[in-house]
N, C-alpha and C. Protein backbone atom coordinates (compact mmCIF):
# COMPACT_ATOMS: atom_id res chain seq x y z
N MET A 1 4.15 18.66 9.74
CA MET A 1 4.35 17.23 9.54
C MET A 1 5.60 16.74 10.27
N ARG A 2 6.62 17.60 10.34
CA ARG A 2 7.84 17.18 11.00
C ARG A 2 7.63 16.92 12.48
N SER A 3 6.65 17.62 13.09
CA SER A 3 6.40 17.38 14.50
C SER A 3 5.80 16.02 14.75
N SER A 4 5.12 15.45 13.75
CA SER A 4 4.52 14.13 13.91
C SER A 4 5.46 13.02 13.48
N PHE A 5 6.35 13.30 12.50
CA PHE A 5 7.26 12.30 11.97
C PHE A 5 8.68 12.81 12.18
N ARG A 6 9.31 12.41 13.27
CA ARG A 6 10.55 13.05 13.69
C ARG A 6 11.80 12.45 13.08
N ASN A 7 11.73 11.24 12.59
CA ASN A 7 12.91 10.63 12.02
C ASN A 7 13.08 11.08 10.58
N THR A 8 14.29 10.93 10.04
CA THR A 8 14.57 11.35 8.67
C THR A 8 15.25 10.22 7.91
N PRO A 9 14.53 9.14 7.58
CA PRO A 9 15.14 8.04 6.84
C PRO A 9 15.42 8.44 5.41
N LYS A 10 16.39 7.82 4.83
CA LYS A 10 16.72 8.07 3.43
C LYS A 10 15.92 7.12 2.54
N ILE A 11 15.88 7.45 1.27
CA ILE A 11 15.26 6.57 0.29
C ILE A 11 16.21 5.43 -0.01
N VAL A 12 15.75 4.21 0.15
CA VAL A 12 16.60 3.03 -0.04
C VAL A 12 16.11 2.27 -1.26
N ARG A 13 17.01 1.96 -2.18
CA ARG A 13 16.59 1.33 -3.44
C ARG A 13 17.53 0.20 -3.83
N SER A 14 17.93 -0.63 -2.90
CA SER A 14 18.80 -1.75 -3.27
C SER A 14 18.52 -2.94 -2.37
N ARG A 15 18.79 -4.13 -2.88
CA ARG A 15 18.58 -5.34 -2.10
C ARG A 15 19.48 -5.36 -0.86
N ALA A 16 20.72 -4.92 -1.02
CA ALA A 16 21.65 -4.90 0.12
C ALA A 16 21.14 -3.99 1.22
N ALA A 17 20.58 -2.84 0.84
CA ALA A 17 20.05 -1.92 1.84
C ALA A 17 18.84 -2.53 2.55
N LEU A 18 18.02 -3.28 1.82
CA LEU A 18 16.88 -3.95 2.43
C LEU A 18 17.36 -4.91 3.52
N LEU A 19 18.42 -5.65 3.24
CA LEU A 19 18.94 -6.58 4.22
C LEU A 19 19.51 -5.84 5.43
N ARG A 20 20.13 -4.69 5.20
CA ARG A 20 20.67 -3.91 6.31
C ARG A 20 19.55 -3.34 7.17
N ASP A 21 18.40 -3.09 6.57
CA ASP A 21 17.27 -2.54 7.31
C ASP A 21 16.34 -3.65 7.80
N SER A 22 16.91 -4.72 8.31
CA SER A 22 16.12 -5.88 8.70
C SER A 22 15.11 -5.55 9.79
N GLU A 23 15.43 -4.62 10.69
CA GLU A 23 14.48 -4.26 11.74
C GLU A 23 13.24 -3.59 11.15
N LEU A 24 13.44 -2.77 10.13
CA LEU A 24 12.28 -2.16 9.47
C LEU A 24 11.46 -3.22 8.74
N THR A 25 12.15 -4.16 8.11
CA THR A 25 11.44 -5.23 7.42
C THR A 25 10.62 -6.05 8.40
N LEU A 26 11.21 -6.39 9.54
CA LEU A 26 10.47 -7.13 10.57
C LEU A 26 9.31 -6.30 11.09
N GLY A 27 9.53 -4.99 11.25
CA GLY A 27 8.45 -4.12 11.71
C GLY A 27 7.28 -4.11 10.74
N MET A 28 7.60 -4.15 9.44
CA MET A 28 6.55 -4.19 8.44
C MET A 28 5.74 -5.48 8.54
N HIS A 29 6.42 -6.61 8.66
CA HIS A 29 5.72 -7.90 8.74
C HIS A 29 4.94 -8.03 10.05
N ARG A 30 5.45 -7.44 11.13
CA ARG A 30 4.70 -7.45 12.39
C ARG A 30 3.43 -6.62 12.25
N LEU A 31 3.56 -5.46 11.61
CA LEU A 31 2.38 -4.62 11.39
C LEU A 31 1.34 -5.36 10.57
N ARG A 32 1.76 -6.03 9.52
CA ARG A 32 0.83 -6.80 8.70
C ARG A 32 0.16 -7.89 9.52
N GLY A 33 0.90 -8.54 10.41
CA GLY A 33 0.31 -9.56 11.27
C GLY A 33 -0.75 -8.97 12.19
N ARG A 34 -0.45 -7.82 12.78
CA ARG A 34 -1.41 -7.19 13.69
C ARG A 34 -2.67 -6.75 12.95
N VAL A 35 -2.48 -6.16 11.78
CA VAL A 35 -3.63 -5.61 11.05
C VAL A 35 -4.46 -6.72 10.41
N PHE A 36 -3.81 -7.57 9.61
CA PHE A 36 -4.57 -8.52 8.80
C PHE A 36 -5.06 -9.73 9.60
N LYS A 37 -4.29 -10.18 10.57
CA LYS A 37 -4.71 -11.36 11.35
C LYS A 37 -5.48 -10.95 12.59
N GLU A 38 -4.89 -10.08 13.41
CA GLU A 38 -5.49 -9.76 14.70
C GLU A 38 -6.68 -8.82 14.56
N ARG A 39 -6.54 -7.78 13.74
CA ARG A 39 -7.61 -6.78 13.65
C ARG A 39 -8.69 -7.17 12.65
N LEU A 40 -8.30 -7.61 11.46
CA LEU A 40 -9.27 -7.89 10.40
C LEU A 40 -9.66 -9.36 10.31
N ASP A 41 -8.90 -10.24 10.97
CA ASP A 41 -9.19 -11.67 11.00
C ASP A 41 -9.20 -12.28 9.61
N TRP A 42 -8.27 -11.84 8.75
CA TRP A 42 -8.14 -12.45 7.43
C TRP A 42 -7.49 -13.82 7.53
N ASP A 43 -7.70 -14.62 6.52
CA ASP A 43 -7.11 -15.96 6.46
C ASP A 43 -5.68 -15.86 5.93
N VAL A 44 -4.78 -15.40 6.80
CA VAL A 44 -3.37 -15.26 6.43
C VAL A 44 -2.53 -16.05 7.42
N SER A 45 -1.35 -16.43 6.99
CA SER A 45 -0.44 -17.20 7.85
C SER A 45 0.47 -16.25 8.61
N VAL A 46 0.52 -16.44 9.92
CA VAL A 46 1.38 -15.63 10.78
C VAL A 46 2.25 -16.56 11.61
N CYS A 47 3.55 -16.30 11.61
CA CYS A 47 4.50 -17.09 12.39
C CYS A 47 5.34 -16.15 13.23
N ASN A 48 5.34 -16.36 14.53
CA ASN A 48 6.07 -15.49 15.46
C ASN A 48 5.68 -14.02 15.29
N GLY A 49 4.40 -13.81 15.00
CA GLY A 49 3.89 -12.46 14.87
C GLY A 49 4.12 -11.82 13.52
N LEU A 50 4.76 -12.53 12.58
CA LEU A 50 5.10 -11.97 11.28
C LEU A 50 4.17 -12.53 10.20
N GLU A 51 3.56 -11.65 9.42
CA GLU A 51 2.75 -12.07 8.28
C GLU A 51 3.61 -11.97 7.03
N ILE A 52 3.90 -13.11 6.44
CA ILE A 52 4.73 -13.20 5.23
C ILE A 52 4.06 -14.18 4.29
N ASP A 53 4.00 -13.84 3.00
CA ASP A 53 3.42 -14.77 2.04
C ASP A 53 4.36 -14.97 0.85
N GLN A 54 3.93 -15.79 -0.09
CA GLN A 54 4.79 -16.14 -1.22
C GLN A 54 5.16 -14.93 -2.07
N TYR A 55 4.30 -13.93 -2.10
CA TYR A 55 4.56 -12.78 -2.96
C TYR A 55 5.69 -11.89 -2.42
N ASP A 56 6.05 -12.08 -1.16
CA ASP A 56 7.21 -11.38 -0.62
C ASP A 56 8.51 -11.95 -1.16
N THR A 57 8.46 -13.10 -1.80
CA THR A 57 9.68 -13.71 -2.35
C THR A 57 9.95 -13.27 -3.78
N PHE A 58 9.06 -12.47 -4.37
CA PHE A 58 9.20 -12.09 -5.78
C PHE A 58 9.84 -10.72 -5.96
N LYS A 59 10.66 -10.32 -5.00
CA LYS A 59 11.41 -9.06 -5.06
C LYS A 59 10.52 -7.84 -5.29
N PRO A 60 9.53 -7.65 -4.40
CA PRO A 60 8.66 -6.48 -4.55
C PRO A 60 9.34 -5.20 -4.11
N THR A 61 8.70 -4.10 -4.40
CA THR A 61 9.04 -2.81 -3.81
C THR A 61 8.08 -2.57 -2.66
N TYR A 62 8.59 -2.07 -1.54
CA TYR A 62 7.76 -1.71 -0.40
C TYR A 62 7.85 -0.21 -0.17
N LEU A 63 6.74 0.40 0.18
CA LEU A 63 6.72 1.76 0.68
C LEU A 63 6.31 1.70 2.14
N LEU A 64 7.10 2.31 3.01
CA LEU A 64 6.84 2.27 4.44
C LEU A 64 6.64 3.68 4.97
N VAL A 65 5.73 3.85 5.91
CA VAL A 65 5.60 5.09 6.67
C VAL A 65 6.18 4.85 8.06
N LEU A 66 7.09 5.73 8.46
CA LEU A 66 7.74 5.59 9.75
C LEU A 66 7.31 6.72 10.68
N GLU A 67 7.10 6.38 11.93
CA GLU A 67 6.81 7.37 12.96
C GLU A 67 7.71 7.07 14.15
N GLN A 68 8.65 7.96 14.42
CA GLN A 68 9.63 7.74 15.48
C GLN A 68 10.30 6.38 15.31
N ASN A 69 10.70 6.09 14.07
CA ASN A 69 11.42 4.87 13.69
C ASN A 69 10.58 3.60 13.74
N ASP A 70 9.30 3.72 14.02
CA ASP A 70 8.41 2.56 13.98
C ASP A 70 7.64 2.55 12.65
N VAL A 71 7.44 1.35 12.10
CA VAL A 71 6.65 1.23 10.87
C VAL A 71 5.17 1.32 11.23
N VAL A 72 4.50 2.36 10.74
CA VAL A 72 3.08 2.54 11.04
C VAL A 72 2.21 2.42 9.78
N GLY A 73 2.84 2.18 8.65
CA GLY A 73 2.10 1.98 7.41
C GLY A 73 2.98 1.33 6.37
N CYS A 74 2.37 0.55 5.48
CA CYS A 74 3.16 -0.12 4.45
C CYS A 74 2.27 -0.53 3.28
N VAL A 75 2.90 -0.72 2.14
CA VAL A 75 2.24 -1.27 0.97
C VAL A 75 3.29 -1.98 0.13
N ARG A 76 2.86 -3.01 -0.57
CA ARG A 76 3.76 -3.81 -1.41
C ARG A 76 3.38 -3.60 -2.88
N LEU A 77 4.38 -3.47 -3.73
CA LEU A 77 4.16 -3.25 -5.16
C LEU A 77 4.88 -4.32 -5.97
N LEU A 78 4.14 -4.90 -6.92
CA LEU A 78 4.69 -5.93 -7.80
C LEU A 78 4.28 -5.65 -9.24
N PRO A 79 5.14 -5.96 -10.22
CA PRO A 79 4.75 -5.78 -11.62
C PRO A 79 3.69 -6.80 -12.02
N THR A 80 2.74 -6.38 -12.84
CA THR A 80 1.71 -7.32 -13.31
C THR A 80 2.24 -8.25 -14.40
N THR A 81 3.47 -8.02 -14.85
CA THR A 81 4.07 -8.90 -15.84
C THR A 81 4.64 -10.17 -15.20
N GLY A 82 4.61 -10.23 -13.87
CA GLY A 82 5.06 -11.42 -13.15
C GLY A 82 3.96 -11.94 -12.25
N ARG A 83 4.32 -12.82 -11.32
CA ARG A 83 3.34 -13.36 -10.38
C ARG A 83 2.78 -12.25 -9.51
N ASN A 84 1.47 -12.25 -9.31
CA ASN A 84 0.83 -11.26 -8.46
C ASN A 84 -0.49 -11.81 -7.94
N MET A 85 -1.02 -11.17 -6.90
CA MET A 85 -2.18 -11.71 -6.19
C MET A 85 -3.44 -11.71 -7.04
N LEU A 86 -3.65 -10.65 -7.82
CA LEU A 86 -4.88 -10.58 -8.61
C LEU A 86 -4.92 -11.70 -9.64
N ALA A 87 -3.82 -11.91 -10.35
CA ALA A 87 -3.80 -12.92 -11.41
C ALA A 87 -3.76 -14.34 -10.86
N ASP A 88 -3.03 -14.55 -9.77
CA ASP A 88 -2.74 -15.91 -9.33
C ASP A 88 -3.53 -16.38 -8.11
N THR A 89 -4.07 -15.45 -7.32
CA THR A 89 -4.82 -15.84 -6.13
C THR A 89 -6.29 -15.44 -6.21
N PHE A 90 -6.59 -14.30 -6.82
CA PHE A 90 -7.97 -13.80 -6.84
C PHE A 90 -8.51 -13.55 -8.25
N PRO A 91 -8.26 -14.45 -9.21
CA PRO A 91 -8.80 -14.21 -10.56
C PRO A 91 -10.32 -14.25 -10.60
N MET A 92 -10.95 -14.86 -9.59
CA MET A 92 -12.41 -14.92 -9.56
C MET A 92 -13.04 -13.52 -9.43
N LEU A 93 -12.25 -12.53 -9.02
CA LEU A 93 -12.77 -11.17 -8.88
C LEU A 93 -12.83 -10.43 -10.21
N LEU A 94 -12.37 -11.07 -11.29
CA LEU A 94 -12.32 -10.42 -12.60
C LEU A 94 -13.50 -10.78 -13.49
N ASP A 95 -14.46 -11.54 -12.96
CA ASP A 95 -15.66 -11.92 -13.72
C ASP A 95 -15.31 -12.58 -15.05
N GLY A 96 -14.28 -13.41 -15.06
CA GLY A 96 -13.90 -14.13 -16.26
C GLY A 96 -13.00 -13.39 -17.21
N ASN A 97 -12.69 -12.13 -16.92
CA ASN A 97 -11.81 -11.35 -17.78
C ASN A 97 -10.35 -11.59 -17.40
N PRO A 98 -9.42 -11.37 -18.32
CA PRO A 98 -8.01 -11.57 -18.00
C PRO A 98 -7.50 -10.50 -17.03
N ALA A 99 -6.53 -10.88 -16.23
CA ALA A 99 -5.91 -9.92 -15.32
C ALA A 99 -5.05 -8.94 -16.12
N PRO A 100 -4.92 -7.71 -15.64
CA PRO A 100 -4.06 -6.75 -16.32
C PRO A 100 -2.62 -7.25 -16.38
N VAL A 101 -2.01 -7.13 -17.54
CA VAL A 101 -0.60 -7.48 -17.73
C VAL A 101 0.02 -6.39 -18.59
N ALA A 102 0.82 -5.53 -17.97
CA ALA A 102 1.45 -4.43 -18.71
C ALA A 102 2.59 -3.87 -17.88
N THR A 103 3.60 -3.40 -18.56
CA THR A 103 4.72 -2.78 -17.84
C THR A 103 4.31 -1.48 -17.18
N THR A 104 3.21 -0.89 -17.63
CA THR A 104 2.74 0.38 -17.08
C THR A 104 1.68 0.20 -15.99
N ILE A 105 1.42 -1.05 -15.61
CA ILE A 105 0.49 -1.35 -14.52
C ILE A 105 1.19 -2.25 -13.51
N TRP A 106 1.29 -1.79 -12.29
CA TRP A 106 1.81 -2.60 -11.19
C TRP A 106 0.67 -2.90 -10.23
N GLU A 107 0.87 -3.92 -9.41
CA GLU A 107 -0.15 -4.29 -8.42
C GLU A 107 0.27 -3.84 -7.03
N SER A 108 -0.67 -3.31 -6.29
CA SER A 108 -0.43 -3.03 -4.87
C SER A 108 -1.17 -4.06 -4.04
N SER A 109 -0.55 -4.45 -2.93
CA SER A 109 -1.16 -5.40 -2.01
C SER A 109 -0.61 -5.15 -0.61
N ARG A 110 -1.26 -5.77 0.36
CA ARG A 110 -0.85 -5.67 1.76
C ARG A 110 -0.72 -4.21 2.23
N PHE A 111 -1.66 -3.38 1.78
CA PHE A 111 -1.71 -1.99 2.26
C PHE A 111 -2.29 -2.00 3.66
N CYS A 112 -1.61 -1.37 4.59
CA CYS A 112 -2.17 -1.27 5.94
C CYS A 112 -1.54 -0.11 6.70
N VAL A 113 -2.30 0.41 7.64
CA VAL A 113 -1.86 1.48 8.52
C VAL A 113 -2.23 1.10 9.94
N ASP A 114 -1.31 1.31 10.87
CA ASP A 114 -1.55 1.02 12.28
C ASP A 114 -2.34 2.17 12.88
N THR A 115 -3.64 2.02 12.97
CA THR A 115 -4.49 3.11 13.43
C THR A 115 -4.30 3.42 14.91
N LYS A 116 -3.73 2.49 15.66
CA LYS A 116 -3.48 2.73 17.08
C LYS A 116 -2.19 3.52 17.31
N SER A 117 -1.21 3.33 16.41
CA SER A 117 0.08 3.97 16.60
C SER A 117 0.25 5.24 15.78
N ALA A 118 -0.33 5.29 14.58
CA ALA A 118 -0.18 6.47 13.73
C ALA A 118 -0.96 7.62 14.35
N ALA A 119 -0.25 8.65 14.78
CA ALA A 119 -0.87 9.67 15.61
C ALA A 119 -1.66 10.70 14.83
N ALA A 120 -1.07 11.26 13.79
CA ALA A 120 -1.66 12.42 13.12
C ALA A 120 -2.85 12.03 12.27
N THR A 121 -3.87 12.89 12.27
CA THR A 121 -5.04 12.68 11.43
C THR A 121 -5.30 13.92 10.59
N ALA A 122 -5.95 13.72 9.46
CA ALA A 122 -6.37 14.85 8.62
C ALA A 122 -7.75 15.31 9.07
N GLU A 123 -8.25 16.37 8.43
CA GLU A 123 -9.52 16.95 8.86
C GLU A 123 -10.69 15.99 8.70
N ASN A 124 -10.60 15.05 7.74
CA ASN A 124 -11.72 14.13 7.52
C ASN A 124 -11.63 12.88 8.39
N GLY A 125 -10.67 12.84 9.31
CA GLY A 125 -10.57 11.75 10.27
C GLY A 125 -9.67 10.61 9.87
N LEU A 126 -9.25 10.54 8.61
CA LEU A 126 -8.33 9.48 8.18
C LEU A 126 -6.92 9.80 8.65
N ARG A 127 -6.16 8.75 8.91
CA ARG A 127 -4.78 8.94 9.35
C ARG A 127 -3.95 9.58 8.25
N LYS A 128 -3.06 10.50 8.64
CA LYS A 128 -2.19 11.11 7.64
C LYS A 128 -1.27 10.07 7.01
N ALA A 129 -0.95 9.02 7.76
CA ALA A 129 -0.13 7.94 7.19
C ALA A 129 -0.83 7.32 5.99
N THR A 130 -2.16 7.25 6.03
CA THR A 130 -2.92 6.72 4.89
C THR A 130 -2.73 7.60 3.67
N PHE A 131 -2.87 8.90 3.84
CA PHE A 131 -2.70 9.83 2.72
C PHE A 131 -1.26 9.82 2.21
N LEU A 132 -0.29 9.74 3.13
CA LEU A 132 1.11 9.70 2.71
C LEU A 132 1.37 8.49 1.83
N LEU A 133 0.83 7.34 2.22
CA LEU A 133 1.03 6.13 1.42
C LEU A 133 0.34 6.25 0.06
N PHE A 134 -0.89 6.75 0.04
CA PHE A 134 -1.58 6.94 -1.23
C PHE A 134 -0.77 7.85 -2.15
N ALA A 135 -0.33 8.99 -1.61
CA ALA A 135 0.43 9.94 -2.42
C ALA A 135 1.75 9.34 -2.88
N ALA A 136 2.42 8.62 -1.98
CA ALA A 136 3.70 8.01 -2.33
C ALA A 136 3.53 6.97 -3.43
N MET A 137 2.42 6.23 -3.41
CA MET A 137 2.16 5.25 -4.46
C MET A 137 2.05 5.93 -5.82
N ILE A 138 1.32 7.05 -5.87
CA ILE A 138 1.17 7.75 -7.14
C ILE A 138 2.49 8.35 -7.58
N GLU A 139 3.21 8.97 -6.65
CA GLU A 139 4.49 9.58 -7.01
C GLU A 139 5.48 8.51 -7.50
N TRP A 140 5.51 7.38 -6.82
CA TRP A 140 6.39 6.29 -7.25
C TRP A 140 5.97 5.80 -8.64
N GLY A 141 4.65 5.70 -8.85
CA GLY A 141 4.16 5.30 -10.16
C GLY A 141 4.55 6.29 -11.25
N GLN A 142 4.49 7.58 -10.95
CA GLN A 142 4.91 8.58 -11.92
C GLN A 142 6.39 8.45 -12.23
N GLN A 143 7.20 8.22 -11.21
CA GLN A 143 8.63 8.07 -11.42
C GLN A 143 8.95 6.88 -12.31
N HIS A 144 8.08 5.86 -12.28
CA HIS A 144 8.31 4.64 -13.05
C HIS A 144 7.38 4.54 -14.27
N HIS A 145 6.78 5.67 -14.64
CA HIS A 145 6.00 5.78 -15.89
C HIS A 145 4.81 4.82 -15.93
N LEU A 146 4.15 4.64 -14.79
CA LEU A 146 2.94 3.82 -14.75
C LEU A 146 1.72 4.67 -15.10
N HIS A 147 0.67 4.00 -15.58
CA HIS A 147 -0.58 4.73 -15.77
C HIS A 147 -1.68 4.23 -14.83
N ALA A 148 -1.43 3.11 -14.13
CA ALA A 148 -2.43 2.62 -13.18
C ALA A 148 -1.79 1.62 -12.22
N ILE A 149 -2.45 1.45 -11.09
CA ILE A 149 -2.10 0.41 -10.12
C ILE A 149 -3.31 -0.51 -9.98
N ALA A 150 -3.10 -1.79 -10.19
CA ALA A 150 -4.14 -2.79 -9.97
C ALA A 150 -4.13 -3.21 -8.51
N THR A 151 -5.29 -3.51 -7.97
CA THR A 151 -5.32 -3.91 -6.57
C THR A 151 -6.55 -4.75 -6.28
N VAL A 152 -6.45 -5.56 -5.26
CA VAL A 152 -7.58 -6.26 -4.66
C VAL A 152 -7.79 -5.66 -3.29
N THR A 153 -8.97 -5.18 -3.03
CA THR A 153 -9.22 -4.54 -1.75
C THR A 153 -10.62 -4.91 -1.27
N ASP A 154 -10.97 -4.45 -0.09
CA ASP A 154 -12.33 -4.69 0.40
C ASP A 154 -13.16 -3.41 0.24
N LEU A 155 -14.45 -3.54 0.45
CA LEU A 155 -15.33 -2.40 0.23
C LEU A 155 -15.06 -1.27 1.21
N ARG A 156 -14.58 -1.61 2.40
CA ARG A 156 -14.22 -0.57 3.37
C ARG A 156 -13.08 0.29 2.83
N MET A 157 -12.04 -0.35 2.29
CA MET A 157 -10.92 0.41 1.75
C MET A 157 -11.32 1.16 0.49
N GLU A 158 -12.23 0.60 -0.30
CA GLU A 158 -12.71 1.32 -1.48
C GLU A 158 -13.35 2.64 -1.06
N ARG A 159 -14.09 2.62 0.05
CA ARG A 159 -14.71 3.86 0.55
C ARG A 159 -13.64 4.84 1.03
N ILE A 160 -12.60 4.32 1.69
CA ILE A 160 -11.51 5.18 2.15
C ILE A 160 -10.81 5.84 0.96
N LEU A 161 -10.55 5.05 -0.08
CA LEU A 161 -9.94 5.60 -1.29
C LEU A 161 -10.81 6.72 -1.88
N ARG A 162 -12.11 6.49 -1.90
CA ARG A 162 -13.02 7.50 -2.45
C ARG A 162 -12.99 8.77 -1.61
N ARG A 163 -12.97 8.62 -0.29
CA ARG A 163 -12.90 9.80 0.59
C ARG A 163 -11.61 10.56 0.39
N ALA A 164 -10.54 9.83 0.06
CA ALA A 164 -9.24 10.46 -0.15
C ALA A 164 -9.14 11.13 -1.52
N GLY A 165 -10.08 10.83 -2.43
CA GLY A 165 -10.04 11.41 -3.76
C GLY A 165 -9.40 10.53 -4.82
N TRP A 166 -9.20 9.25 -4.49
CA TRP A 166 -8.58 8.31 -5.44
C TRP A 166 -9.64 7.27 -5.77
N HIS A 167 -10.21 7.32 -6.95
CA HIS A 167 -11.38 6.52 -7.28
C HIS A 167 -10.99 5.23 -8.00
N LEU A 168 -11.46 4.12 -7.46
CA LEU A 168 -11.17 2.79 -8.00
C LEU A 168 -12.08 2.49 -9.19
N GLU A 169 -11.48 2.10 -10.30
CA GLU A 169 -12.25 1.61 -11.45
C GLU A 169 -12.38 0.10 -11.32
N ARG A 170 -13.57 -0.37 -10.99
CA ARG A 170 -13.76 -1.79 -10.73
C ARG A 170 -13.52 -2.64 -11.97
N LEU A 171 -12.89 -3.79 -11.75
CA LEU A 171 -12.66 -4.76 -12.82
C LEU A 171 -13.61 -5.94 -12.74
N GLY A 172 -14.47 -5.96 -11.74
CA GLY A 172 -15.42 -7.04 -11.57
C GLY A 172 -16.37 -6.71 -10.43
N THR A 173 -17.30 -7.61 -10.18
CA THR A 173 -18.26 -7.40 -9.10
C THR A 173 -17.65 -7.86 -7.77
N PRO A 174 -18.01 -7.21 -6.67
CA PRO A 174 -17.51 -7.63 -5.36
C PRO A 174 -17.95 -9.05 -5.03
N ARG A 175 -17.08 -9.77 -4.36
CA ARG A 175 -17.38 -11.14 -3.94
C ARG A 175 -16.92 -11.34 -2.50
N GLN A 176 -17.62 -12.25 -1.81
CA GLN A 176 -17.22 -12.59 -0.46
C GLN A 176 -15.97 -13.45 -0.50
N ILE A 177 -14.91 -12.99 0.14
CA ILE A 177 -13.66 -13.74 0.28
C ILE A 177 -13.39 -13.85 1.78
N GLY A 178 -13.64 -15.01 2.35
CA GLY A 178 -13.46 -15.16 3.79
C GLY A 178 -14.43 -14.28 4.55
N VAL A 179 -13.89 -13.42 5.42
CA VAL A 179 -14.74 -12.58 6.26
C VAL A 179 -15.01 -11.21 5.63
N THR A 180 -14.51 -10.97 4.42
CA THR A 180 -14.64 -9.64 3.84
C THR A 180 -15.21 -9.70 2.43
N LYS A 181 -15.79 -8.60 2.00
CA LYS A 181 -16.29 -8.46 0.63
C LYS A 181 -15.19 -7.78 -0.17
N ALA A 182 -14.63 -8.50 -1.14
CA ALA A 182 -13.47 -8.02 -1.88
C ALA A 182 -13.86 -7.56 -3.28
N VAL A 183 -13.04 -6.66 -3.82
CA VAL A 183 -13.26 -6.16 -5.17
C VAL A 183 -11.90 -5.87 -5.80
N ALA A 184 -11.79 -6.10 -7.10
CA ALA A 184 -10.57 -5.80 -7.84
C ALA A 184 -10.79 -4.54 -8.67
N GLY A 185 -9.72 -3.77 -8.84
CA GLY A 185 -9.87 -2.56 -9.64
C GLY A 185 -8.55 -1.93 -9.99
N LEU A 186 -8.65 -0.85 -10.75
CA LEU A 186 -7.49 -0.07 -11.16
C LEU A 186 -7.56 1.32 -10.54
N LEU A 187 -6.42 1.79 -10.04
CA LEU A 187 -6.29 3.13 -9.50
C LEU A 187 -5.43 3.96 -10.44
N PRO A 188 -5.90 5.10 -10.90
CA PRO A 188 -5.14 5.87 -11.89
C PRO A 188 -3.90 6.52 -11.28
N ILE A 189 -2.84 6.54 -12.05
CA ILE A 189 -1.65 7.32 -11.70
C ILE A 189 -1.76 8.63 -12.47
N SER A 190 -2.20 9.67 -11.79
CA SER A 190 -2.47 10.93 -12.48
C SER A 190 -2.23 12.11 -11.55
N GLU A 191 -1.97 13.27 -12.15
CA GLU A 191 -1.82 14.49 -11.37
C GLU A 191 -3.12 14.86 -10.69
N GLU A 192 -4.24 14.57 -11.35
CA GLU A 192 -5.54 14.88 -10.75
C GLU A 192 -5.74 14.11 -9.45
N ALA A 193 -5.46 12.80 -9.47
CA ALA A 193 -5.61 12.00 -8.26
C ALA A 193 -4.63 12.44 -7.19
N LEU A 194 -3.39 12.71 -7.59
CA LEU A 194 -2.38 13.13 -6.62
C LEU A 194 -2.76 14.46 -5.98
N GLY A 195 -3.26 15.40 -6.79
CA GLY A 195 -3.67 16.68 -6.25
C GLY A 195 -4.81 16.55 -5.26
N ALA A 196 -5.77 15.67 -5.57
CA ALA A 196 -6.90 15.47 -4.66
C ALA A 196 -6.45 14.89 -3.34
N ILE A 197 -5.54 13.91 -3.39
CA ILE A 197 -5.05 13.28 -2.16
C ILE A 197 -4.25 14.27 -1.33
N ARG A 198 -3.40 15.06 -1.98
CA ARG A 198 -2.62 16.05 -1.25
C ARG A 198 -3.52 17.08 -0.59
N ALA A 199 -4.56 17.52 -1.30
CA ALA A 199 -5.47 18.52 -0.74
C ALA A 199 -6.26 17.95 0.43
N THR A 200 -6.82 16.76 0.24
CA THR A 200 -7.64 16.15 1.30
C THR A 200 -6.80 15.77 2.50
N GLY A 201 -5.58 15.29 2.25
CA GLY A 201 -4.70 14.86 3.33
C GLY A 201 -3.82 15.94 3.90
N GLN A 202 -3.97 17.16 3.39
CA GLN A 202 -3.17 18.30 3.86
C GLN A 202 -1.67 18.02 3.75
N ILE A 203 -1.28 17.51 2.58
CA ILE A 203 0.12 17.22 2.31
C ILE A 203 0.66 18.35 1.44
N SER A 204 1.67 19.04 1.93
CA SER A 204 2.17 20.23 1.24
C SER A 204 3.44 19.97 0.45
N ARG A 205 3.97 18.75 0.51
CA ARG A 205 5.22 18.45 -0.19
C ARG A 205 5.13 17.05 -0.78
N GLY A 206 6.13 16.69 -1.58
CA GLY A 206 6.14 15.36 -2.15
C GLY A 206 6.22 14.29 -1.08
N ALA A 207 5.31 13.34 -1.10
CA ALA A 207 5.28 12.30 -0.06
C ALA A 207 6.49 11.38 -0.16
N ILE A 208 6.93 11.07 -1.37
CA ILE A 208 8.02 10.13 -1.54
C ILE A 208 9.31 10.68 -0.96
N ASP A 209 9.40 12.01 -0.80
CA ASP A 209 10.58 12.65 -0.22
C ASP A 209 10.36 13.07 1.22
N ALA A 210 9.18 12.79 1.75
CA ALA A 210 8.90 13.19 3.12
C ALA A 210 9.78 12.42 4.09
N PRO A 211 10.12 13.03 5.23
CA PRO A 211 10.98 12.33 6.19
C PRO A 211 10.37 11.08 6.77
N SER A 212 9.07 10.88 6.57
CA SER A 212 8.42 9.71 7.15
C SER A 212 8.20 8.58 6.16
N ILE A 213 8.62 8.75 4.89
CA ILE A 213 8.41 7.73 3.87
C ILE A 213 9.73 7.06 3.54
N LEU A 214 9.71 5.75 3.51
CA LEU A 214 10.89 4.97 3.12
C LEU A 214 10.49 4.04 2.00
N ALA A 215 11.22 4.07 0.91
CA ALA A 215 10.97 3.16 -0.21
C ALA A 215 12.07 2.12 -0.25
N ILE A 216 11.69 0.86 -0.19
CA ILE A 216 12.66 -0.23 -0.23
C ILE A 216 12.36 -1.07 -1.46
N ALA A 217 13.30 -1.13 -2.36
CA ALA A 217 13.13 -1.90 -3.58
C ALA A 217 14.15 -3.03 -3.61
N ALA A 218 13.69 -4.21 -4.05
CA ALA A 218 14.60 -5.34 -4.16
C ALA A 218 15.53 -5.12 -5.35
């Protein structure tokens, strides 16, 4: 893994550090612009190549995958006890049921991997950056005593999660949202899921401590 991810960033867990790492933050928003607007053609706002939305103002935690100091993967995490995309933007995906609200459930959003830049792949063809992010999400959840992550995703990503060994428990029926078929669900924070992802992704160490993972918390 070290041959593919040569930099050794530290784990960053403060607002001041986030501001000091402004180039990484910009790299994350540029990646989101390329993936969600240019590649997937989602209805998102992009300014000067940066995809930023209102949920970035709610002091989220970000997990980033770095390859030679470039951001090649990212995900955003927000507590379900505050404003989040499932409750406030996509409640129609819950089939009339209330959105999850618990200190032990956080929401993930804006998950993306740069498939053109992320070099290494696992045996099943998925990018190792994808597995690293999945594993890091579970490890971060374990560190913060979560039992699940809520998310809104599309059917393509649901299949990727299944291939990785992380099975989504649907909270409603899939619905057409713009150009994609979206679904809401819960992802378990468990040793079983983490073990499956590590095995499938050929990850031999903790992802959250890997030299290619950076955690930035507000």
